[in-house]
Amino acid sequence: MSTRNALRQALQATVDNLMNEFDQIPASRKETLSLLVSFVERKIREGHTVYLNFICTHNSRRSHLSQLWAQAAAHHFNIPNVVCFSGGTEATAFNPRAVKAMQEAGFLIQLKKDGHNPTYEVHYAENTKPVIAFSKKYDDPFNHNNDFAAVMTCSHADENCPLVFGASARIALTYDDPKNFDDTPQEAEKYTERVNEIGREILFAFSNVKA
């Protein structure tokens, strides 16, 4: 689609930079991303809502990053009826390091309920419904649990969750875990690197959706 919707100003700046880096995406990754594009296009052709559930073991970092980028990308490229969720094979918490990295990318993330598993409202554009973000299992009642694409964002979940009930497609779009650098001098750098990598690839995918 040619029309593009504006994002929050700070986020738009990040998006513009990442879209200038599409040539950094390896051909093998573009091939995997084409599976996501095909699923979205097929659901649009069928006149159905596009449900995406990004899944990682703990639903604490990569699955949240992917969900938020996908929802923002769908809005930016004016692709309607895309609803994104995230979940894990177990619930923990949306890691504060990942929250901070997404805030630095330009997402407005507001704490709504504190505790061991906080709830956040995430805004990516004006006059849009915020994404409610908290850690949960992929089949939590909060998520849509029928006819969705299960996008596996970590290799552990992909290898140890051979069957995702309710999914009509499964895509292994795995990323390295920034958790490996927690409490090291590289921590902030690696979280930013992962936010940008996921954003770059998700934006590339949605930029190729034809509806």
N, C-alpha and C. Protein backbone atom coordinates (compact mmCIF):
# COMPACT_ATOMS: atom_id res chain seq x y z
N MET A 1 0.83 -1.18 0.00
CA MET A 1 0.00 0.00 0.00
C MET A 1 0.88 1.24 0.00
N SER A 2 0.50 2.26 -0.76
CA SER A 2 1.35 3.43 -0.91
C SER A 2 1.21 4.42 0.24
N THR A 3 -0.01 4.54 0.81
CA THR A 3 -0.23 5.49 1.89
C THR A 3 0.44 5.01 3.16
N ARG A 4 1.14 5.92 3.81
CA ARG A 4 1.80 5.57 5.06
C ARG A 4 1.24 6.44 6.18
N ASN A 5 1.00 5.83 7.31
CA ASN A 5 0.50 6.54 8.47
C ASN A 5 1.65 6.98 9.36
N ALA A 6 1.50 8.15 9.94
CA ALA A 6 2.55 8.69 10.79
C ALA A 6 2.59 7.95 12.13
N LEU A 7 3.78 7.83 12.64
CA LEU A 7 4.01 7.27 13.96
C LEU A 7 4.38 8.41 14.91
N ARG A 8 4.57 8.10 16.18
CA ARG A 8 5.09 9.11 17.11
C ARG A 8 6.39 9.66 16.55
N GLN A 9 6.64 10.93 16.77
CA GLN A 9 7.77 11.59 16.12
C GLN A 9 9.09 10.88 16.39
N ALA A 10 9.34 10.53 17.64
CA ALA A 10 10.60 9.88 17.99
C ALA A 10 10.70 8.50 17.34
N LEU A 11 9.59 7.79 17.31
CA LEU A 11 9.58 6.47 16.69
C LEU A 11 9.73 6.57 15.18
N GLN A 12 9.10 7.57 14.58
CA GLN A 12 9.20 7.76 13.14
C GLN A 12 10.65 7.96 12.72
N ALA A 13 11.41 8.68 13.52
CA ALA A 13 12.83 8.90 13.21
C ALA A 13 13.59 7.57 13.20
N THR A 14 13.30 6.73 14.18
CA THR A 14 13.94 5.40 14.22
C THR A 14 13.54 4.57 13.01
N VAL A 15 12.25 4.60 12.68
CA VAL A 15 11.75 3.83 11.54
C VAL A 15 12.41 4.29 10.24
N ASP A 16 12.52 5.60 10.06
CA ASP A 16 13.16 6.11 8.84
C ASP A 16 14.59 5.61 8.73
N ASN A 17 15.30 5.59 9.84
CA ASN A 17 16.69 5.10 9.83
C ASN A 17 16.74 3.61 9.49
N LEU A 18 15.87 2.83 10.11
CA LEU A 18 15.88 1.39 9.89
C LEU A 18 15.49 1.03 8.47
N MET A 19 14.57 1.81 7.88
CA MET A 19 14.16 1.53 6.51
C MET A 19 15.26 1.83 5.50
N ASN A 20 16.22 2.63 5.91
CA ASN A 20 17.38 2.89 5.06
C ASN A 20 18.44 1.80 5.19
N GLU A 21 18.16 0.82 6.06
CA GLU A 21 19.13 -0.25 6.31
C GLU A 21 18.64 -1.62 5.85
N PHE A 22 17.61 -1.63 5.01
CA PHE A 22 17.08 -2.92 4.55
C PHE A 22 18.14 -3.76 3.84
N ASP A 23 19.12 -3.10 3.24
CA ASP A 23 20.16 -3.85 2.53
C ASP A 23 21.07 -4.63 3.48
N GLN A 24 20.94 -4.37 4.79
CA GLN A 24 21.72 -5.11 5.77
C GLN A 24 21.10 -6.48 6.10
N ILE A 25 19.87 -6.70 5.66
CA ILE A 25 19.18 -7.94 5.98
C ILE A 25 19.67 -9.04 5.04
N PRO A 26 20.20 -10.14 5.57
CA PRO A 26 20.69 -11.22 4.71
C PRO A 26 19.57 -11.83 3.87
N ALA A 27 19.93 -12.36 2.73
CA ALA A 27 18.95 -12.98 1.83
C ALA A 27 18.19 -14.11 2.52
N SER A 28 18.88 -14.87 3.36
CA SER A 28 18.22 -15.99 4.04
C SER A 28 17.14 -15.50 4.99
N ARG A 29 17.37 -14.36 5.61
CA ARG A 29 16.36 -13.79 6.51
C ARG A 29 15.18 -13.25 5.70
N LYS A 30 15.47 -12.64 4.56
CA LYS A 30 14.39 -12.14 3.72
C LYS A 30 13.49 -13.28 3.25
N GLU A 31 14.10 -14.44 3.01
CA GLU A 31 13.32 -15.60 2.60
C GLU A 31 12.37 -16.03 3.72
N THR A 32 12.88 -16.03 4.96
CA THR A 32 12.03 -16.36 6.10
C THR A 32 10.93 -15.32 6.29
N LEU A 33 11.28 -14.05 6.15
CA LEU A 33 10.31 -12.97 6.30
C LEU A 33 9.22 -13.05 5.24
N SER A 34 9.54 -13.62 4.09
CA SER A 34 8.53 -13.74 3.04
C SER A 34 7.39 -14.66 3.48
N LEU A 35 7.65 -15.58 4.40
CA LEU A 35 6.60 -16.44 4.93
C LEU A 35 5.59 -15.63 5.73
N LEU A 36 6.10 -14.66 6.47
CA LEU A 36 5.22 -13.76 7.23
C LEU A 36 4.40 -12.91 6.27
N VAL A 37 5.06 -12.39 5.24
CA VAL A 37 4.36 -11.58 4.23
C VAL A 37 3.24 -12.40 3.59
N SER A 38 3.53 -13.63 3.23
CA SER A 38 2.53 -14.48 2.56
C SER A 38 1.33 -14.74 3.46
N PHE A 39 1.58 -14.98 4.74
CA PHE A 39 0.47 -15.22 5.67
C PHE A 39 -0.42 -14.00 5.76
N VAL A 40 0.19 -12.82 5.93
CA VAL A 40 -0.59 -11.58 6.04
C VAL A 40 -1.40 -11.36 4.77
N GLU A 41 -0.77 -11.52 3.62
CA GLU A 41 -1.47 -11.29 2.35
C GLU A 41 -2.62 -12.28 2.17
N ARG A 42 -2.41 -13.53 2.55
CA ARG A 42 -3.46 -14.53 2.38
C ARG A 42 -4.68 -14.20 3.23
N LYS A 43 -4.46 -13.80 4.46
CA LYS A 43 -5.59 -13.45 5.33
C LYS A 43 -6.33 -12.22 4.82
N ILE A 44 -5.59 -11.27 4.29
CA ILE A 44 -6.23 -10.08 3.73
C ILE A 44 -7.10 -10.46 2.53
N ARG A 45 -6.55 -11.31 1.65
CA ARG A 45 -7.32 -11.75 0.47
C ARG A 45 -8.60 -12.47 0.88
N GLU A 46 -8.52 -13.23 1.96
CA GLU A 46 -9.67 -13.99 2.44
C GLU A 46 -10.67 -13.11 3.18
N GLY A 47 -10.30 -11.86 3.42
CA GLY A 47 -11.18 -10.95 4.15
C GLY A 47 -11.19 -11.20 5.64
N HIS A 48 -10.13 -11.81 6.16
CA HIS A 48 -10.06 -12.14 7.57
C HIS A 48 -9.13 -11.19 8.33
N THR A 49 -9.35 -11.06 9.61
CA THR A 49 -8.40 -10.35 10.45
C THR A 49 -7.10 -11.15 10.52
N VAL A 50 -5.98 -10.44 10.49
CA VAL A 50 -4.66 -11.07 10.56
C VAL A 50 -4.23 -11.11 12.02
N TYR A 51 -4.15 -12.31 12.57
CA TYR A 51 -3.71 -12.48 13.96
C TYR A 51 -2.29 -13.05 13.96
N LEU A 52 -1.40 -12.36 14.66
CA LEU A 52 -0.01 -12.80 14.79
C LEU A 52 0.31 -12.95 16.27
N ASN A 53 0.90 -14.07 16.64
CA ASN A 53 1.31 -14.29 18.02
C ASN A 53 2.80 -14.59 18.02
N PHE A 54 3.57 -13.68 18.59
CA PHE A 54 5.03 -13.82 18.65
C PHE A 54 5.38 -14.55 19.95
N ILE A 55 6.07 -15.67 19.80
CA ILE A 55 6.26 -16.59 20.92
C ILE A 55 7.73 -16.79 21.23
N CYS A 56 8.07 -16.66 22.51
CA CYS A 56 9.40 -16.96 23.03
C CYS A 56 9.22 -17.64 24.37
N THR A 57 10.23 -18.27 24.87
CA THR A 57 10.07 -19.11 26.06
C THR A 57 9.44 -18.36 27.23
N HIS A 58 10.00 -17.20 27.59
CA HIS A 58 9.56 -16.50 28.80
C HIS A 58 8.66 -15.29 28.53
N ASN A 59 8.41 -14.96 27.27
CA ASN A 59 7.64 -13.76 26.93
C ASN A 59 8.13 -12.57 27.74
N SER A 60 9.44 -12.34 27.63
CA SER A 60 10.04 -11.25 28.41
C SER A 60 10.80 -10.24 27.57
N ARG A 61 11.31 -10.66 26.41
CA ARG A 61 12.14 -9.77 25.61
C ARG A 61 11.76 -9.84 24.12
N ARG A 62 12.30 -10.83 23.41
CA ARG A 62 12.18 -10.85 21.95
C ARG A 62 10.75 -10.92 21.45
N SER A 63 9.90 -11.67 22.12
CA SER A 63 8.51 -11.78 21.68
C SER A 63 7.77 -10.45 21.83
N HIS A 64 8.04 -9.73 22.92
CA HIS A 64 7.43 -8.41 23.09
C HIS A 64 7.96 -7.42 22.06
N LEU A 65 9.27 -7.43 21.85
CA LEU A 65 9.86 -6.50 20.87
C LEU A 65 9.24 -6.73 19.49
N SER A 66 9.08 -7.99 19.12
CA SER A 66 8.53 -8.32 17.80
C SER A 66 7.07 -7.93 17.70
N GLN A 67 6.30 -8.21 18.74
CA GLN A 67 4.88 -7.85 18.74
C GLN A 67 4.69 -6.35 18.55
N LEU A 68 5.42 -5.56 19.32
CA LEU A 68 5.25 -4.11 19.27
C LEU A 68 5.70 -3.55 17.93
N TRP A 69 6.80 -4.06 17.41
CA TRP A 69 7.25 -3.60 16.09
C TRP A 69 6.24 -3.98 15.00
N ALA A 70 5.67 -5.17 15.10
CA ALA A 70 4.72 -5.60 14.08
C ALA A 70 3.45 -4.75 14.11
N GLN A 71 2.97 -4.43 15.30
CA GLN A 71 1.76 -3.61 15.37
C GLN A 71 2.02 -2.21 14.82
N ALA A 72 3.19 -1.66 15.14
CA ALA A 72 3.55 -0.34 14.63
C ALA A 72 3.76 -0.37 13.12
N ALA A 73 4.38 -1.43 12.61
CA ALA A 73 4.64 -1.54 11.18
C ALA A 73 3.34 -1.66 10.39
N ALA A 74 2.40 -2.45 10.90
CA ALA A 74 1.11 -2.59 10.22
C ALA A 74 0.41 -1.24 10.12
N HIS A 75 0.47 -0.48 11.19
CA HIS A 75 -0.13 0.87 11.18
C HIS A 75 0.60 1.76 10.18
N HIS A 76 1.91 1.76 10.24
CA HIS A 76 2.70 2.65 9.40
C HIS A 76 2.46 2.40 7.92
N PHE A 77 2.36 1.13 7.53
CA PHE A 77 2.16 0.79 6.12
C PHE A 77 0.68 0.65 5.75
N ASN A 78 -0.17 1.10 6.66
CA ASN A 78 -1.61 1.17 6.38
C ASN A 78 -2.19 -0.19 5.99
N ILE A 79 -1.80 -1.20 6.75
CA ILE A 79 -2.32 -2.56 6.53
C ILE A 79 -3.36 -2.81 7.61
N PRO A 80 -4.63 -2.81 7.26
CA PRO A 80 -5.69 -2.88 8.26
C PRO A 80 -5.90 -4.28 8.82
N ASN A 81 -6.57 -4.31 9.96
CA ASN A 81 -7.02 -5.57 10.56
C ASN A 81 -5.87 -6.52 10.87
N VAL A 82 -4.77 -5.95 11.35
CA VAL A 82 -3.66 -6.76 11.86
C VAL A 82 -3.63 -6.60 13.37
N VAL A 83 -3.73 -7.70 14.08
CA VAL A 83 -3.74 -7.66 15.55
C VAL A 83 -2.63 -8.58 16.05
N CYS A 84 -1.71 -8.01 16.82
CA CYS A 84 -0.51 -8.73 17.24
C CYS A 84 -0.54 -9.02 18.74
N PHE A 85 -0.11 -10.21 19.06
CA PHE A 85 -0.01 -10.65 20.45
C PHE A 85 1.39 -11.20 20.69
N SER A 86 1.67 -11.50 21.95
CA SER A 86 2.90 -12.23 22.26
C SER A 86 2.62 -13.14 23.44
N GLY A 87 3.44 -14.17 23.56
CA GLY A 87 3.27 -15.12 24.65
C GLY A 87 4.49 -16.00 24.79
N GLY A 88 4.50 -16.81 25.81
CA GLY A 88 5.62 -17.70 26.05
C GLY A 88 5.16 -19.10 26.35
N THR A 89 6.11 -19.99 26.52
CA THR A 89 5.76 -21.31 27.04
C THR A 89 5.59 -21.24 28.54
N GLU A 90 6.00 -20.12 29.14
CA GLU A 90 5.73 -19.79 30.53
C GLU A 90 5.69 -18.27 30.65
N ALA A 91 5.11 -17.77 31.73
CA ALA A 91 5.02 -16.33 31.95
C ALA A 91 6.04 -15.88 32.97
N THR A 92 6.67 -14.74 32.71
CA THR A 92 7.62 -14.16 33.67
C THR A 92 7.28 -12.67 33.84
N ALA A 93 7.95 -11.81 33.07
CA ALA A 93 7.67 -10.37 33.08
C ALA A 93 8.31 -9.75 31.86
N PHE A 94 7.70 -8.68 31.36
CA PHE A 94 8.30 -7.88 30.29
C PHE A 94 9.53 -7.22 30.91
N ASN A 95 10.70 -7.66 30.48
CA ASN A 95 11.94 -7.26 31.14
C ASN A 95 12.16 -5.75 31.05
N PRO A 96 12.50 -5.10 32.17
CA PRO A 96 12.67 -3.64 32.15
C PRO A 96 13.77 -3.15 31.22
N ARG A 97 14.76 -3.98 30.95
CA ARG A 97 15.80 -3.59 30.00
C ARG A 97 15.22 -3.49 28.58
N ALA A 98 14.34 -4.44 28.26
CA ALA A 98 13.69 -4.41 26.95
C ALA A 98 12.71 -3.24 26.86
N VAL A 99 12.00 -2.97 27.95
CA VAL A 99 11.11 -1.81 28.00
C VAL A 99 11.90 -0.54 27.72
N LYS A 100 13.01 -0.38 28.40
CA LYS A 100 13.84 0.83 28.23
C LYS A 100 14.35 0.97 26.80
N ALA A 101 14.78 -0.13 26.22
CA ALA A 101 15.31 -0.08 24.85
C ALA A 101 14.23 0.32 23.85
N MET A 102 13.00 -0.15 24.07
CA MET A 102 11.90 0.23 23.18
C MET A 102 11.49 1.69 23.40
N GLN A 103 11.57 2.16 24.62
CA GLN A 103 11.31 3.57 24.88
C GLN A 103 12.34 4.44 24.16
N GLU A 104 13.58 4.02 24.18
CA GLU A 104 14.63 4.78 23.51
C GLU A 104 14.46 4.76 21.99
N ALA A 105 13.79 3.72 21.47
CA ALA A 105 13.50 3.67 20.03
C ALA A 105 12.35 4.59 19.65
N GLY A 106 11.59 5.05 20.64
CA GLY A 106 10.51 6.00 20.36
C GLY A 106 9.12 5.56 20.74
N PHE A 107 8.97 4.35 21.26
CA PHE A 107 7.67 3.90 21.75
C PHE A 107 7.39 4.59 23.10
N LEU A 108 6.15 4.98 23.30
CA LEU A 108 5.73 5.52 24.59
C LEU A 108 5.17 4.37 25.41
N ILE A 109 5.87 4.00 26.48
CA ILE A 109 5.49 2.85 27.29
C ILE A 109 5.22 3.34 28.71
N GLN A 110 3.99 3.13 29.15
CA GLN A 110 3.55 3.61 30.46
C GLN A 110 3.16 2.45 31.35
N LEU A 111 3.71 2.45 32.58
CA LEU A 111 3.37 1.42 33.55
C LEU A 111 1.94 1.64 34.05
N LYS A 112 1.11 0.61 33.96
CA LYS A 112 -0.28 0.71 34.40
C LYS A 112 -0.55 -0.11 35.66
N LYS A 113 0.19 -1.18 35.83
CA LYS A 113 0.01 -2.02 37.01
C LYS A 113 1.35 -2.62 37.39
N ASP A 114 1.81 -2.30 38.59
CA ASP A 114 3.11 -2.77 39.05
C ASP A 114 2.97 -4.17 39.64
N GLY A 115 4.11 -4.77 39.95
CA GLY A 115 4.11 -6.10 40.55
C GLY A 115 5.16 -6.97 39.92
N HIS A 116 5.10 -8.27 40.23
CA HIS A 116 6.12 -9.17 39.68
C HIS A 116 5.98 -9.36 38.18
N ASN A 117 4.76 -9.12 37.65
CA ASN A 117 4.51 -9.18 36.21
C ASN A 117 3.75 -7.91 35.82
N PRO A 118 4.45 -6.80 35.64
CA PRO A 118 3.78 -5.52 35.41
C PRO A 118 3.00 -5.50 34.10
N THR A 119 2.02 -4.62 34.06
CA THR A 119 1.24 -4.37 32.85
C THR A 119 1.55 -2.97 32.33
N TYR A 120 1.80 -2.87 31.03
CA TYR A 120 2.14 -1.60 30.40
C TYR A 120 1.15 -1.28 29.29
N GLU A 121 0.98 0.01 29.03
CA GLU A 121 0.32 0.48 27.83
C GLU A 121 1.39 1.01 26.90
N VAL A 122 1.37 0.56 25.64
CA VAL A 122 2.39 0.95 24.68
C VAL A 122 1.73 1.72 23.54
N HIS A 123 2.19 2.95 23.32
CA HIS A 123 1.67 3.79 22.26
C HIS A 123 2.72 3.94 21.16
N TYR A 124 2.30 3.79 19.92
CA TYR A 124 3.22 3.94 18.79
C TYR A 124 2.79 5.05 17.84
N ALA A 125 1.55 5.52 17.97
CA ALA A 125 1.04 6.59 17.11
C ALA A 125 -0.10 7.31 17.83
N GLU A 126 -0.39 8.51 17.37
CA GLU A 126 -1.49 9.26 17.95
C GLU A 126 -2.83 8.65 17.52
N ASN A 127 -3.81 8.75 18.41
CA ASN A 127 -5.18 8.33 18.11
C ASN A 127 -5.28 6.86 17.71
N THR A 128 -4.44 6.04 18.28
CA THR A 128 -4.54 4.60 18.08
C THR A 128 -4.66 3.93 19.44
N LYS A 129 -5.29 2.79 19.44
CA LYS A 129 -5.46 2.03 20.68
C LYS A 129 -4.12 1.51 21.15
N PRO A 130 -3.77 1.70 22.42
CA PRO A 130 -2.46 1.21 22.88
C PRO A 130 -2.42 -0.30 22.94
N VAL A 131 -1.23 -0.83 22.84
CA VAL A 131 -1.01 -2.25 23.03
C VAL A 131 -0.87 -2.50 24.54
N ILE A 132 -1.60 -3.47 25.05
CA ILE A 132 -1.47 -3.85 26.45
C ILE A 132 -0.40 -4.94 26.53
N ALA A 133 0.66 -4.66 27.25
CA ALA A 133 1.82 -5.56 27.28
C ALA A 133 2.06 -6.10 28.68
N PHE A 134 2.06 -7.41 28.80
CA PHE A 134 2.46 -8.09 30.03
C PHE A 134 2.84 -9.50 29.65
N SER A 135 3.57 -10.18 30.51
CA SER A 135 4.02 -11.52 30.19
C SER A 135 2.91 -12.53 30.42
N LYS A 136 2.79 -13.49 29.51
CA LYS A 136 1.73 -14.48 29.59
C LYS A 136 2.12 -15.71 28.76
N LYS A 137 1.46 -16.82 28.98
CA LYS A 137 1.64 -17.97 28.11
C LYS A 137 0.97 -17.68 26.77
N TYR A 138 1.45 -18.33 25.73
CA TYR A 138 0.94 -18.02 24.39
C TYR A 138 -0.54 -18.31 24.26
N ASP A 139 -1.06 -19.26 25.05
CA ASP A 139 -2.47 -19.62 24.94
C ASP A 139 -3.33 -18.96 26.02
N ASP A 140 -2.80 -17.91 26.63
CA ASP A 140 -3.56 -17.16 27.63
C ASP A 140 -4.86 -16.64 27.01
N PRO A 141 -5.95 -16.61 27.75
CA PRO A 141 -7.22 -16.11 27.20
C PRO A 141 -7.14 -14.69 26.67
N PHE A 142 -6.16 -13.90 27.11
CA PHE A 142 -6.00 -12.53 26.61
C PHE A 142 -5.67 -12.55 25.12
N ASN A 143 -4.98 -13.59 24.67
CA ASN A 143 -4.56 -13.69 23.27
C ASN A 143 -5.67 -14.32 22.42
N HIS A 144 -5.56 -14.06 21.11
CA HIS A 144 -6.45 -14.74 20.16
C HIS A 144 -5.87 -16.13 19.91
N ASN A 145 -6.68 -17.15 20.10
CA ASN A 145 -6.14 -18.51 20.11
C ASN A 145 -6.66 -19.42 19.01
N ASN A 146 -7.03 -18.82 17.88
CA ASN A 146 -7.50 -19.64 16.76
C ASN A 146 -7.13 -18.97 15.45
N ASP A 147 -6.63 -19.77 14.50
CA ASP A 147 -6.31 -19.28 13.16
C ASP A 147 -5.35 -18.08 13.19
N PHE A 148 -4.20 -18.28 13.80
CA PHE A 148 -3.18 -17.24 13.88
C PHE A 148 -1.84 -17.80 13.39
N ALA A 149 -0.92 -16.90 13.10
CA ALA A 149 0.44 -17.32 12.79
C ALA A 149 1.25 -17.31 14.07
N ALA A 150 1.84 -18.43 14.40
CA ALA A 150 2.75 -18.52 15.54
C ALA A 150 4.15 -18.18 15.03
N VAL A 151 4.65 -17.03 15.42
CA VAL A 151 5.97 -16.58 14.99
C VAL A 151 6.94 -16.85 16.13
N MET A 152 7.79 -17.84 15.95
CA MET A 152 8.69 -18.28 17.02
C MET A 152 9.95 -17.42 17.01
N THR A 153 10.12 -16.62 18.06
CA THR A 153 11.21 -15.64 18.06
C THR A 153 12.45 -16.11 18.80
N CYS A 154 12.40 -17.30 19.39
CA CYS A 154 13.62 -17.84 20.00
C CYS A 154 13.72 -19.32 19.67
N SER A 155 14.94 -19.78 19.52
CA SER A 155 15.16 -21.17 19.09
C SER A 155 14.71 -22.16 20.15
N HIS A 156 14.81 -21.79 21.42
CA HIS A 156 14.41 -22.71 22.49
C HIS A 156 12.92 -23.02 22.39
N ALA A 157 12.10 -21.98 22.23
CA ALA A 157 10.67 -22.20 22.10
C ALA A 157 10.36 -22.95 20.81
N ASP A 158 11.07 -22.63 19.74
CA ASP A 158 10.82 -23.29 18.47
C ASP A 158 11.12 -24.78 18.55
N GLU A 159 12.19 -25.13 19.28
CA GLU A 159 12.60 -26.53 19.37
C GLU A 159 11.78 -27.31 20.39
N ASN A 160 11.33 -26.63 21.45
CA ASN A 160 10.68 -27.33 22.55
C ASN A 160 9.16 -27.18 22.57
N CYS A 161 8.63 -26.50 21.58
CA CYS A 161 7.18 -26.35 21.48
C CYS A 161 6.77 -26.79 20.07
N PRO A 162 6.81 -28.11 19.81
CA PRO A 162 6.58 -28.59 18.45
C PRO A 162 5.18 -28.33 17.92
N LEU A 163 4.21 -28.17 18.83
CA LEU A 163 2.84 -27.94 18.41
C LEU A 163 2.28 -26.74 19.14
N VAL A 164 1.85 -25.74 18.40
CA VAL A 164 1.21 -24.56 18.98
C VAL A 164 -0.27 -24.67 18.65
N PHE A 165 -1.06 -25.01 19.64
CA PHE A 165 -2.48 -25.26 19.43
C PHE A 165 -3.19 -24.01 18.93
N GLY A 166 -4.00 -24.17 17.89
CA GLY A 166 -4.77 -23.08 17.33
C GLY A 166 -4.10 -22.36 16.19
N ALA A 167 -2.81 -22.57 16.01
CA ALA A 167 -2.07 -21.86 14.95
C ALA A 167 -2.37 -22.47 13.59
N SER A 168 -2.57 -21.61 12.60
CA SER A 168 -2.77 -22.09 11.23
C SER A 168 -1.50 -21.91 10.40
N ALA A 169 -0.47 -21.30 10.98
CA ALA A 169 0.84 -21.18 10.34
C ALA A 169 1.88 -21.06 11.44
N ARG A 170 3.07 -21.49 11.14
CA ARG A 170 4.18 -21.42 12.09
C ARG A 170 5.41 -20.92 11.34
N ILE A 171 6.04 -19.88 11.88
CA ILE A 171 7.19 -19.27 11.23
C ILE A 171 8.31 -19.15 12.25
N ALA A 172 9.45 -19.71 11.94
CA ALA A 172 10.61 -19.64 12.84
C ALA A 172 11.44 -18.41 12.49
N LEU A 173 11.20 -17.31 13.20
CA LEU A 173 11.92 -16.06 12.99
C LEU A 173 12.68 -15.77 14.28
N THR A 174 13.78 -16.49 14.46
CA THR A 174 14.46 -16.47 15.76
C THR A 174 15.55 -15.40 15.82
N TYR A 175 15.77 -14.93 17.04
CA TYR A 175 16.76 -13.88 17.31
C TYR A 175 17.62 -14.27 18.51
N ASP A 176 18.85 -13.77 18.53
CA ASP A 176 19.72 -13.97 19.69
C ASP A 176 19.15 -13.22 20.89
N ASP A 177 19.37 -13.78 22.07
CA ASP A 177 18.78 -13.23 23.29
C ASP A 177 19.70 -12.16 23.90
N PRO A 178 19.21 -10.91 24.01
CA PRO A 178 20.04 -9.89 24.66
C PRO A 178 20.26 -10.17 26.14
N LYS A 179 19.47 -11.07 26.71
CA LYS A 179 19.66 -11.45 28.12
C LYS A 179 21.07 -11.93 28.39
N ASN A 180 21.72 -12.48 27.36
CA ASN A 180 23.08 -12.99 27.53
C ASN A 180 24.06 -11.91 27.94
N PHE A 181 23.67 -10.65 27.79
CA PHE A 181 24.56 -9.54 28.12
C PHE A 181 24.08 -8.73 29.31
N ASP A 182 23.08 -9.25 30.03
CA ASP A 182 22.60 -8.55 31.22
C ASP A 182 23.75 -8.37 32.21
N ASP A 183 23.80 -7.18 32.80
CA ASP A 183 24.79 -6.84 33.83
C ASP A 183 26.22 -6.92 33.33
N THR A 184 26.40 -6.63 32.05
CA THR A 184 27.74 -6.52 31.47
C THR A 184 27.88 -5.13 30.85
N PRO A 185 29.10 -4.70 30.53
CA PRO A 185 29.28 -3.39 29.90
C PRO A 185 28.58 -3.27 28.54
N GLN A 186 28.26 -4.39 27.92
CA GLN A 186 27.62 -4.38 26.60
C GLN A 186 26.10 -4.41 26.66
N GLU A 187 25.54 -4.40 27.86
CA GLU A 187 24.10 -4.60 28.01
C GLU A 187 23.27 -3.63 27.16
N ALA A 188 23.45 -2.35 27.34
CA ALA A 188 22.64 -1.36 26.62
C ALA A 188 22.84 -1.48 25.11
N GLU A 189 24.08 -1.67 24.70
CA GLU A 189 24.39 -1.80 23.28
C GLU A 189 23.67 -2.99 22.65
N LYS A 190 23.66 -4.12 23.35
CA LYS A 190 23.06 -5.34 22.80
C LYS A 190 21.54 -5.26 22.77
N TYR A 191 20.92 -4.62 23.75
CA TYR A 191 19.47 -4.44 23.71
C TYR A 191 19.08 -3.53 22.55
N THR A 192 19.84 -2.45 22.37
CA THR A 192 19.56 -1.56 21.24
C THR A 192 19.76 -2.29 19.92
N GLU A 193 20.81 -3.08 19.84
CA GLU A 193 21.09 -3.85 18.63
C GLU A 193 19.94 -4.78 18.30
N ARG A 194 19.38 -5.46 19.33
CA ARG A 194 18.29 -6.40 19.07
C ARG A 194 17.01 -5.67 18.70
N VAL A 195 16.72 -4.56 19.37
CA VAL A 195 15.55 -3.76 19.02
C VAL A 195 15.62 -3.32 17.56
N ASN A 196 16.79 -2.87 17.15
CA ASN A 196 16.95 -2.39 15.77
C ASN A 196 16.89 -3.54 14.76
N GLU A 197 17.48 -4.67 15.09
CA GLU A 197 17.44 -5.81 14.17
C GLU A 197 16.00 -6.28 13.96
N ILE A 198 15.27 -6.44 15.05
CA ILE A 198 13.88 -6.89 14.94
C ILE A 198 13.06 -5.84 14.20
N GLY A 199 13.23 -4.58 14.55
CA GLY A 199 12.49 -3.53 13.88
C GLY A 199 12.77 -3.48 12.39
N ARG A 200 14.03 -3.58 12.03
CA ARG A 200 14.43 -3.53 10.62
C ARG A 200 13.75 -4.66 9.83
N GLU A 201 13.77 -5.86 10.39
CA GLU A 201 13.23 -7.01 9.66
C GLU A 201 11.70 -6.97 9.60
N ILE A 202 11.06 -6.60 10.69
CA ILE A 202 9.61 -6.53 10.70
C ILE A 202 9.12 -5.43 9.76
N LEU A 203 9.78 -4.30 9.77
CA LEU A 203 9.43 -3.21 8.85
C LEU A 203 9.61 -3.65 7.41
N PHE A 204 10.69 -4.37 7.13
CA PHE A 204 10.92 -4.86 5.77
C PHE A 204 9.77 -5.77 5.35
N ALA A 205 9.38 -6.67 6.24
CA ALA A 205 8.29 -7.59 5.90
C ALA A 205 7.01 -6.83 5.57
N PHE A 206 6.61 -5.92 6.43
CA PHE A 206 5.34 -5.23 6.21
C PHE A 206 5.41 -4.26 5.02
N SER A 207 6.61 -3.79 4.72
CA SER A 207 6.74 -2.91 3.55
C SER A 207 6.50 -3.67 2.26
N ASN A 208 6.57 -5.00 2.32
CA ASN A 208 6.39 -5.83 1.13
C ASN A 208 5.00 -6.44 1.03
N VAL A 209 4.15 -6.18 2.01
CA VAL A 209 2.80 -6.71 1.95
C VAL A 209 2.00 -5.98 0.87
N LYS A 210 1.40 -6.74 -0.01
CA LYS A 210 0.55 -6.17 -1.07
C LYS A 210 -0.88 -6.64 -0.82
N ALA A 211 -1.76 -5.66 -0.70
CA ALA A 211 -3.16 -6.00 -0.40
C ALA A 211 -4.10 -5.22 -1.26
